[in-house]
């Protein structure tokens, strides 16, 4: 599917269409305001992970890296 641009774009659009719902769920779980842009940023990041990882030579390693960053944040770059 990754090698078919149309299917990849469609799958990505399905994932990212869930951004508002995921941000709302994060808001409910954390007690934060649903309108907080940082929640939308987090939701978008999480929803982009499958597409980004799928284009890497080692998708499982990319998934591990993505979720490690979610858990720990980014060290000084």
PDB file of N, CA and C in Angstrom:
ATOM      1  N   UNK A   1       0.822  -1.190   0.000  1.00  0.00           N
ATOM      2  CA  UNK A   1       0.000   0.000   0.000  1.00  0.00           C
ATOM      3  C   UNK A   1       0.870   1.259   0.000  1.00  0.00           C
ATOM      4  N   UNK A   2       2.005   1.225   0.684  1.00  0.00           N
ATOM      5  CA  UNK A   2       2.862   2.400   0.762  1.00  0.00           C
ATOM      6  C   UNK A   2       3.367   2.796  -0.615  1.00  0.00           C
ATOM      7  N   UNK A   3       3.565   1.810  -1.474  1.00  0.00           N
ATOM      8  CA  UNK A   3       4.078   2.112  -2.807  1.00  0.00           C
ATOM      9  C   UNK A   3       2.999   2.627  -3.757  1.00  0.00           C
ATOM     10  N   UNK A   4       1.746   2.608  -3.344  1.00  0.00           N
ATOM     11  CA  UNK A   4       0.655   3.136  -4.157  1.00  0.00           C
ATOM     12  C   UNK A   4       0.245   4.484  -3.577  1.00  0.00           C
ATOM     13  N   UNK A   5       0.662   5.581  -4.218  1.00  0.00           N
ATOM     14  CA  UNK A   5       0.417   6.914  -3.651  1.00  0.00           C
ATOM     15  C   UNK A   5      -1.050   7.205  -3.327  1.00  0.00           C
ATOM     16  N   UNK A   6      -1.951   6.776  -4.170  1.00  0.00           N
ATOM     17  CA  UNK A   6      -3.371   7.061  -3.934  1.00  0.00           C
ATOM     18  C   UNK A   6      -3.878   6.340  -2.693  1.00  0.00           C
ATOM     19  N   UNK A   7      -3.507   5.077  -2.546  1.00  0.00           N
ATOM     20  CA  UNK A   7      -3.941   4.321  -1.360  1.00  0.00           C
ATOM     21  C   UNK A   7      -3.291   4.871  -0.099  1.00  0.00           C
ATOM     22  N   UNK A   8      -2.025   5.251  -0.198  1.00  0.00           N
ATOM     23  CA  UNK A   8      -1.345   5.825   0.951  1.00  0.00           C
ATOM     24  C   UNK A   8      -2.015   7.120   1.385  1.00  0.00           C
ATOM     25  N   UNK A   9      -2.342   7.978   0.433  1.00  0.00           N
ATOM     26  CA  UNK A   9      -3.005   9.246   0.748  1.00  0.00           C
ATOM     27  C   UNK A   9      -4.376   9.002   1.366  1.00  0.00           C
ATOM     28  N   UNK A  10      -5.095   8.018   0.844  1.00  0.00           N
ATOM     29  CA  UNK A  10      -6.421   7.717   1.385  1.00  0.00           C
ATOM     30  C   UNK A  10      -6.318   7.204   2.820  1.00  0.00           C
ATOM     31  N   UNK A  11      -5.390   6.280   3.057  1.00  0.00           N
ATOM     32  CA  UNK A  11      -5.220   5.751   4.412  1.00  0.00           C
ATOM     33  C   UNK A  11      -4.840   6.866   5.382  1.00  0.00           C
ATOM     34  N   UNK A  12      -3.938   7.736   4.946  1.00  0.00           N
ATOM     35  CA  UNK A  12      -3.515   8.855   5.792  1.00  0.00           C
ATOM     36  C   UNK A  12      -4.692   9.764   6.108  1.00  0.00           C
ATOM     37  N   UNK A  13      -5.536  10.033   5.119  1.00  0.00           N
ATOM     38  CA  UNK A  13      -6.687  10.913   5.356  1.00  0.00           C
ATOM     39  C   UNK A  13      -7.670  10.280   6.340  1.00  0.00           C
ATOM     40  N   UNK A  14      -7.813   8.966   6.285  1.00  0.00           N
ATOM     41  CA  UNK A  14      -8.682   8.283   7.253  1.00  0.00           C
ATOM     42  C   UNK A  14      -8.142   8.440   8.673  1.00  0.00           C
ATOM     43  N   UNK A  15      -6.832   8.242   8.837  1.00  0.00           N
ATOM     44  CA  UNK A  15      -6.220   8.376  10.156  1.00  0.00           C
ATOM     45  C   UNK A  15      -6.356   9.796  10.680  1.00  0.00           C
ATOM     46  N   UNK A  16      -5.950  10.776   9.865  1.00  0.00           N
ATOM     47  CA  UNK A  16      -5.917  12.150  10.361  1.00  0.00           C
ATOM     48  C   UNK A  16      -7.308  12.744  10.543  1.00  0.00           C
ATOM     49  N   UNK A  17      -8.314  12.136   9.948  1.00  0.00           N
ATOM     50  CA  UNK A  17      -9.678  12.637  10.161  1.00  0.00           C
ATOM     51  C   UNK A  17     -10.141  12.390  11.601  1.00  0.00           C
ATOM     52  N   UNK A  18      -9.409  11.603  12.336  1.00  0.00           N
ATOM     53  CA  UNK A  18      -9.738  11.300  13.731  1.00  0.00           C
ATOM     54  C   UNK A  18      -9.074  12.263  14.713  1.00  0.00           C
ATOM     55  N   UNK A  19      -8.405  13.287  14.200  1.00  0.00           N
ATOM     56  CA  UNK A  19      -7.647  14.201  15.065  1.00  0.00           C
ATOM     57  C   UNK A  19      -8.512  14.833  16.155  1.00  0.00           C
ATOM     58  N   UNK A  20      -9.648  15.382  15.793  1.00  0.00           N
ATOM     59  CA  UNK A  20     -10.493  16.071  16.776  1.00  0.00           C
ATOM     60  C   UNK A  20     -10.990  15.098  17.849  1.00  0.00           C
ATOM     61  N   UNK A  21     -11.399  13.915  17.420  1.00  0.00           N
ATOM     62  CA  UNK A  21     -11.901  12.931  18.379  1.00  0.00           C
ATOM     63  C   UNK A  21     -10.801  12.476  19.333  1.00  0.00           C
ATOM     64  N   UNK A  22      -9.605  12.256  18.809  1.00  0.00           N
ATOM     65  CA  UNK A  22      -8.498  11.849  19.663  1.00  0.00           C
ATOM     66  C   UNK A  22      -8.101  12.972  20.616  1.00  0.00           C
ATOM     67  N   UNK A  23      -8.046  14.200  20.131  1.00  0.00           N
ATOM     68  CA  UNK A  23      -7.719  15.335  21.002  1.00  0.00           C
ATOM     69  C   UNK A  23      -8.759  15.471  22.114  1.00  0.00           C
ATOM     70  N   UNK A  24     -10.020  15.264  21.773  1.00  0.00           N
ATOM     71  CA  UNK A  24     -11.085  15.333  22.784  1.00  0.00           C
ATOM     72  C   UNK A  24     -10.910  14.221  23.825  1.00  0.00           C
ATOM     73  N   UNK A  25     -10.589  13.020  23.379  1.00  0.00           N
ATOM     74  CA  UNK A  25     -10.384  11.904  24.318  1.00  0.00           C
ATOM     75  C   UNK A  25      -9.187  12.178  25.233  1.00  0.00           C
ATOM     76  N   UNK A  26      -8.124  12.735  24.670  1.00  0.00           N
ATOM     77  CA  UNK A  26      -6.957  13.084  25.490  1.00  0.00           C
ATOM     78  C   UNK A  26      -7.347  14.147  26.520  1.00  0.00           C
ATOM     79  N   UNK A  27      -8.149  15.121  26.100  1.00  0.00           N
ATOM     80  CA  UNK A  27      -8.602  16.175  27.015  1.00  0.00           C
ATOM     81  C   UNK A  27      -9.400  15.574  28.166  1.00  0.00           C
ATOM     82  N   UNK A  28     -10.300  14.659  27.839  1.00  0.00           N
ATOM     83  CA  UNK A  28     -11.110  14.031  28.893  1.00  0.00           C
ATOM     84  C   UNK A  28     -10.237  13.251  29.877  1.00  0.00           C
ATOM     85  N   UNK A  29      -9.247  12.534  29.360  1.00  0.00           N
ATOM     86  CA  UNK A  29      -8.388  11.706  30.204  1.00  0.00           C
ATOM     87  C   UNK A  29      -7.431  12.528  31.064  1.00  0.00           C
ATOM     88  N   UNK A  30      -7.057  13.704  30.584  1.00  0.00           N
ATOM     89  CA  UNK A  30      -6.063  14.505  31.291  1.00  0.00           C
ATOM     90  C   UNK A  30      -6.654  15.683  32.051  1.00  0.00           C
ATOM     91  N   UNK A  31      -7.935  15.954  31.828  1.00  0.00           N
ATOM     92  CA  UNK A  31      -8.568  17.082  32.489  1.00  0.00           C
ATOM     93  C   UNK A  31      -8.202  18.429  31.872  1.00  0.00           C
ATOM     94  N   UNK A  32      -7.625  18.391  30.699  1.00  0.00           N
ATOM     95  CA  UNK A  32      -7.247  19.637  30.031  1.00  0.00           C
ATOM     96  C   UNK A  32      -8.393  20.128  29.168  1.00  0.00           C
ATOM     97  N   UNK A  33      -8.326  21.384  28.791  1.00  0.00           N
ATOM     98  CA  UNK A  33      -9.340  22.000  27.938  1.00  0.00           C
ATOM     99  C   UNK A  33      -9.279  21.384  26.544  1.00  0.00           C
ATOM    100  N   UNK A  34     -10.424  20.989  26.020  1.00  0.00           N
ATOM    101  CA  UNK A  34     -10.481  20.348  24.700  1.00  0.00           C
ATOM    102  C   UNK A  34     -10.009  21.278  23.589  1.00  0.00           C
ATOM    103  N   UNK A  35     -10.023  22.575  23.814  1.00  0.00           N
ATOM    104  CA  UNK A  35      -9.578  23.520  22.804  1.00  0.00           C
ATOM    105  C   UNK A  35      -8.082  23.785  22.833  1.00  0.00           C
ATOM    106  N   UNK A  36      -7.351  23.150  23.736  1.00  0.00           N
ATOM    107  CA  UNK A  36      -5.912  23.353  23.867  1.00  0.00           C
ATOM    108  C   UNK A  36      -5.200  22.850  22.610  1.00  0.00           C
ATOM    109  N   UNK A  37      -4.531  23.747  21.923  1.00  0.00           N
ATOM    110  CA  UNK A  37      -3.872  23.376  20.672  1.00  0.00           C
ATOM    111  C   UNK A  37      -2.805  22.310  20.887  1.00  0.00           C
ATOM    112  N   UNK A  38      -2.199  22.250  22.049  1.00  0.00           N
ATOM    113  CA  UNK A  38      -1.175  21.227  22.281  1.00  0.00           C
ATOM    114  C   UNK A  38      -1.772  19.822  22.217  1.00  0.00           C
ATOM    115  N   UNK A  39      -3.049  19.687  22.543  1.00  0.00           N
ATOM    116  CA  UNK A  39      -3.696  18.380  22.438  1.00  0.00           C
ATOM    117  C   UNK A  39      -3.900  17.992  20.978  1.00  0.00           C
ATOM    118  N   UNK A  40      -4.231  18.965  20.149  1.00  0.00           N
ATOM    119  CA  UNK A  40      -4.358  18.696  18.705  1.00  0.00           C
ATOM    120  C   UNK A  40      -3.003  18.328  18.113  1.00  0.00           C
ATOM    121  N   UNK A  41      -1.956  18.992  18.577  1.00  0.00           N
ATOM    122  CA  UNK A  41      -0.611  18.684  18.091  1.00  0.00           C
ATOM    123  C   UNK A  41      -0.242  17.248  18.463  1.00  0.00           C
ATOM    124  N   UNK A  42      -0.498  16.879  19.706  1.00  0.00           N
ATOM    125  CA  UNK A  42      -0.209  15.521  20.150  1.00  0.00           C
ATOM    126  C   UNK A  42      -1.027  14.508  19.343  1.00  0.00           C
ATOM    127  N   UNK A  43      -2.302  14.779  19.178  1.00  0.00           N
ATOM    128  CA  UNK A  43      -3.160  13.871  18.419  1.00  0.00           C
ATOM    129  C   UNK A  43      -2.659  13.717  16.987  1.00  0.00           C
ATOM    130  N   UNK A  44      -2.293  14.817  16.356  1.00  0.00           N
ATOM    131  CA  UNK A  44      -1.797  14.750  14.977  1.00  0.00           C
ATOM    132  C   UNK A  44      -0.512  13.936  14.914  1.00  0.00           C
ATOM    133  N   UNK A  45       0.381  14.152  15.858  1.00  0.00           N
ATOM    134  CA  UNK A  45       1.630  13.389  15.896  1.00  0.00           C
ATOM    135  C   UNK A  45       1.330  11.892  15.979  1.00  0.00           C
ATOM    136  N   UNK A  46       0.487  11.520  16.910  1.00  0.00           N
ATOM    137  CA  UNK A  46       0.155  10.111  17.098  1.00  0.00           C
ATOM    138  C   UNK A  46      -0.461   9.530  15.827  1.00  0.00           C
ATOM    139  N   UNK A  47      -1.338  10.282  15.185  1.00  0.00           N
ATOM    140  CA  UNK A  47      -2.018   9.786  13.993  1.00  0.00           C
ATOM    141  C   UNK A  47      -1.109   9.730  12.766  1.00  0.00           C
ATOM    142  N   UNK A  48      -0.036  10.477  12.772  1.00  0.00           N
ATOM    143  CA  UNK A  48       0.914  10.451  11.655  1.00  0.00           C
ATOM    144  C   UNK A  48       1.925   9.322  11.788  1.00  0.00           C
ATOM    145  N   UNK A  49       2.069   8.764  12.970  1.00  0.00           N
ATOM    146  CA  UNK A  49       3.087   7.747  13.215  1.00  0.00           C
ATOM    147  C   UNK A  49       2.999   6.565  12.242  1.00  0.00           C
ATOM    148  N   UNK A  50       1.830   5.968  12.009  1.00  0.00           N
ATOM    149  CA  UNK A  50       1.800   4.820  11.099  1.00  0.00           C
ATOM    150  C   UNK A  50       2.310   5.151   9.691  1.00  0.00           C
ATOM    151  N   UNK A  51       1.940   6.316   9.173  1.00  0.00           N
ATOM    152  CA  UNK A  51       2.383   6.702   7.839  1.00  0.00           C
ATOM    153  C   UNK A  51       3.892   6.910   7.806  1.00  0.00           C
ATOM    154  N   UNK A  52       4.405   7.614   8.803  1.00  0.00           N
ATOM    155  CA  UNK A  52       5.841   7.870   8.844  1.00  0.00           C
ATOM    156  C   UNK A  52       6.633   6.576   9.040  1.00  0.00           C
ATOM    157  N   UNK A  53       6.208   5.752   9.959  1.00  0.00           N
ATOM    158  CA  UNK A  53       6.926   4.503  10.230  1.00  0.00           C
ATOM    159  C   UNK A  53       6.889   3.576   9.023  1.00  0.00           C
ATOM    160  N   UNK A  54       5.783   3.587   8.317  1.00  0.00           N
ATOM    161  CA  UNK A  54       5.640   2.707   7.155  1.00  0.00           C
ATOM    162  C   UNK A  54       6.581   3.027   6.014  1.00  0.00           C
ATOM    163  N   UNK A  55       7.141   4.218   6.002  1.00  0.00           N
ATOM    164  CA  UNK A  55       8.061   4.588   4.926  1.00  0.00           C
ATOM    165  C   UNK A  55       9.522   4.343   5.311  1.00  0.00           C
ATOM    166  N   UNK A  56       9.765   3.928   6.534  1.00  0.00           N
ATOM    167  CA  UNK A  56      11.126   3.675   7.003  1.00  0.00           C
ATOM    168  C   UNK A  56      11.571   2.259   6.627  1.00  0.00           C
ATOM    169  N   UNK A  57      12.889   2.061   6.475  1.00  0.00           N
ATOM    170  CA  UNK A  57      13.388   0.716   6.149  1.00  0.00           C
ATOM    171  C   UNK A  57      13.041  -0.325   7.229  1.00  0.00           C
ATOM    172  N   UNK A  58      12.945   0.116   8.479  1.00  0.00           N
ATOM    173  CA  UNK A  58      12.607  -0.779   9.590  1.00  0.00           C
ATOM    174  C   UNK A  58      11.409  -0.190  10.341  1.00  0.00           C
ATOM    175  N   UNK A  59      10.183  -0.443   9.842  1.00  0.00           N
ATOM    176  CA  UNK A  59       9.002   0.148  10.467  1.00  0.00           C
ATOM    177  C   UNK A  59       8.863  -0.138  11.960  1.00  0.00           C
ATOM    178  N   UNK A  60       9.122  -1.376  12.448  1.00  0.00           N
ATOM    179  CA  UNK A  60       9.003  -1.598  13.888  1.00  0.00           C
ATOM    180  C   UNK A  60       9.952  -0.720  14.704  1.00  0.00           C
ATOM    181  N   UNK A  61      11.162  -0.524  14.216  1.00  0.00           N
ATOM    182  CA  UNK A  61      12.110   0.346  14.926  1.00  0.00           C
ATOM    183  C   UNK A  61      11.617   1.787  14.921  1.00  0.00           C
ATOM    184  N   UNK A  62      11.035   2.214  13.824  1.00  0.00           N
ATOM    185  CA  UNK A  62      10.499   3.574  13.740  1.00  0.00           C
ATOM    186  C   UNK A  62       9.343   3.756  14.720  1.00  0.00           C
ATOM    187  N   UNK A  63       8.486   2.749  14.829  1.00  0.00           N
ATOM    188  CA  UNK A  63       7.386   2.819  15.801  1.00  0.00           C
ATOM    189  C   UNK A  63       7.925   2.903  17.221  1.00  0.00           C
ATOM    190  N   UNK A  64       8.930   2.110  17.508  1.00  0.00           N
ATOM    191  CA  UNK A  64       9.545   2.149  18.839  1.00  0.00           C
ATOM    192  C   UNK A  64      10.099   3.534  19.133  1.00  0.00           C
ATOM    193  N   UNK A  65      10.804   4.115  18.173  1.00  0.00           N
ATOM    194  CA  UNK A  65      11.369   5.460  18.361  1.00  0.00           C
ATOM    195  C   UNK A  65      10.269   6.490  18.588  1.00  0.00           C
ATOM    196  N   UNK A  66       9.209   6.410  17.802  1.00  0.00           N
ATOM    197  CA  UNK A  66       8.115   7.378  17.928  1.00  0.00           C
ATOM    198  C   UNK A  66       7.483   7.308  19.320  1.00  0.00           C
ATOM    199  N   UNK A  67       7.209   6.110  19.797  1.00  0.00           N
ATOM    200  CA  UNK A  67       6.562   5.986  21.088  1.00  0.00           C
ATOM    201  C   UNK A  67       7.522   6.237  22.250  1.00  0.00           C
ATOM    202  N   UNK A  68       8.804   6.018  22.031  1.00  0.00           N
ATOM    203  CA  UNK A  68       9.791   6.400  23.043  1.00  0.00           C
ATOM    204  C   UNK A  68       9.758   7.914  23.231  1.00  0.00           C
ATOM    205  N   UNK A  69       9.688   8.647  22.128  1.00  0.00           N
ATOM    206  CA  UNK A  69       9.613  10.106  22.213  1.00  0.00           C
ATOM    207  C   UNK A  69       8.316  10.560  22.898  1.00  0.00           C
ATOM    208  N   UNK A  70       7.238   9.859  22.658  1.00  0.00           N
ATOM    209  CA  UNK A  70       5.989  10.200  23.344  1.00  0.00           C
ATOM    210  C   UNK A  70       6.132  10.018  24.851  1.00  0.00           C
ATOM    211  N   UNK A  71       6.818   8.970  25.258  1.00  0.00           N
ATOM    212  CA  UNK A  71       6.969   8.693  26.681  1.00  0.00           C
ATOM    213  C   UNK A  71       7.974   9.612  27.360  1.00  0.00           C
ATOM    214  N   UNK A  72       9.066   9.901  26.687  1.00  0.00           N
ATOM    215  CA  UNK A  72      10.162  10.630  27.327  1.00  0.00           C
ATOM    216  C   UNK A  72      10.364  12.047  26.839  1.00  0.00           C
ATOM    217  N   UNK A  73       9.794  12.391  25.693  1.00  0.00           N
ATOM    218  CA  UNK A  73      10.067  13.684  25.091  1.00  0.00           C
ATOM    219  C   UNK A  73      11.360  13.630  24.289  1.00  0.00           C
ATOM    220  N   UNK A  74      11.751  14.760  23.773  1.00  0.00           N
ATOM    221  CA  UNK A  74      12.965  14.835  22.968  1.00  0.00           C
ATOM    222  C   UNK A  74      14.101  15.399  23.801  1.00  0.00           C
ATOM    223  N   UNK A  75      15.253  14.755  23.767  1.00  0.00           N
ATOM    224  CA  UNK A  75      16.410  15.354  24.443  1.00  0.00           C
ATOM    225  C   UNK A  75      16.859  16.573  23.642  1.00  0.00           C
ATOM    226  N   UNK A  76      17.738  17.345  24.209  1.00  0.00           N
ATOM    227  CA  UNK A  76      18.258  18.489  23.473  1.00  0.00           C
ATOM    228  C   UNK A  76      18.822  18.011  22.152  1.00  0.00           C
ATOM    229  N   UNK A  77      18.374  18.619  21.087  1.00  0.00           N
ATOM    230  CA  UNK A  77      18.834  18.199  19.755  1.00  0.00           C
ATOM    231  C   UNK A  77      20.016  19.005  19.299  1.00  0.00           C
TER     232      UNK A  77
END
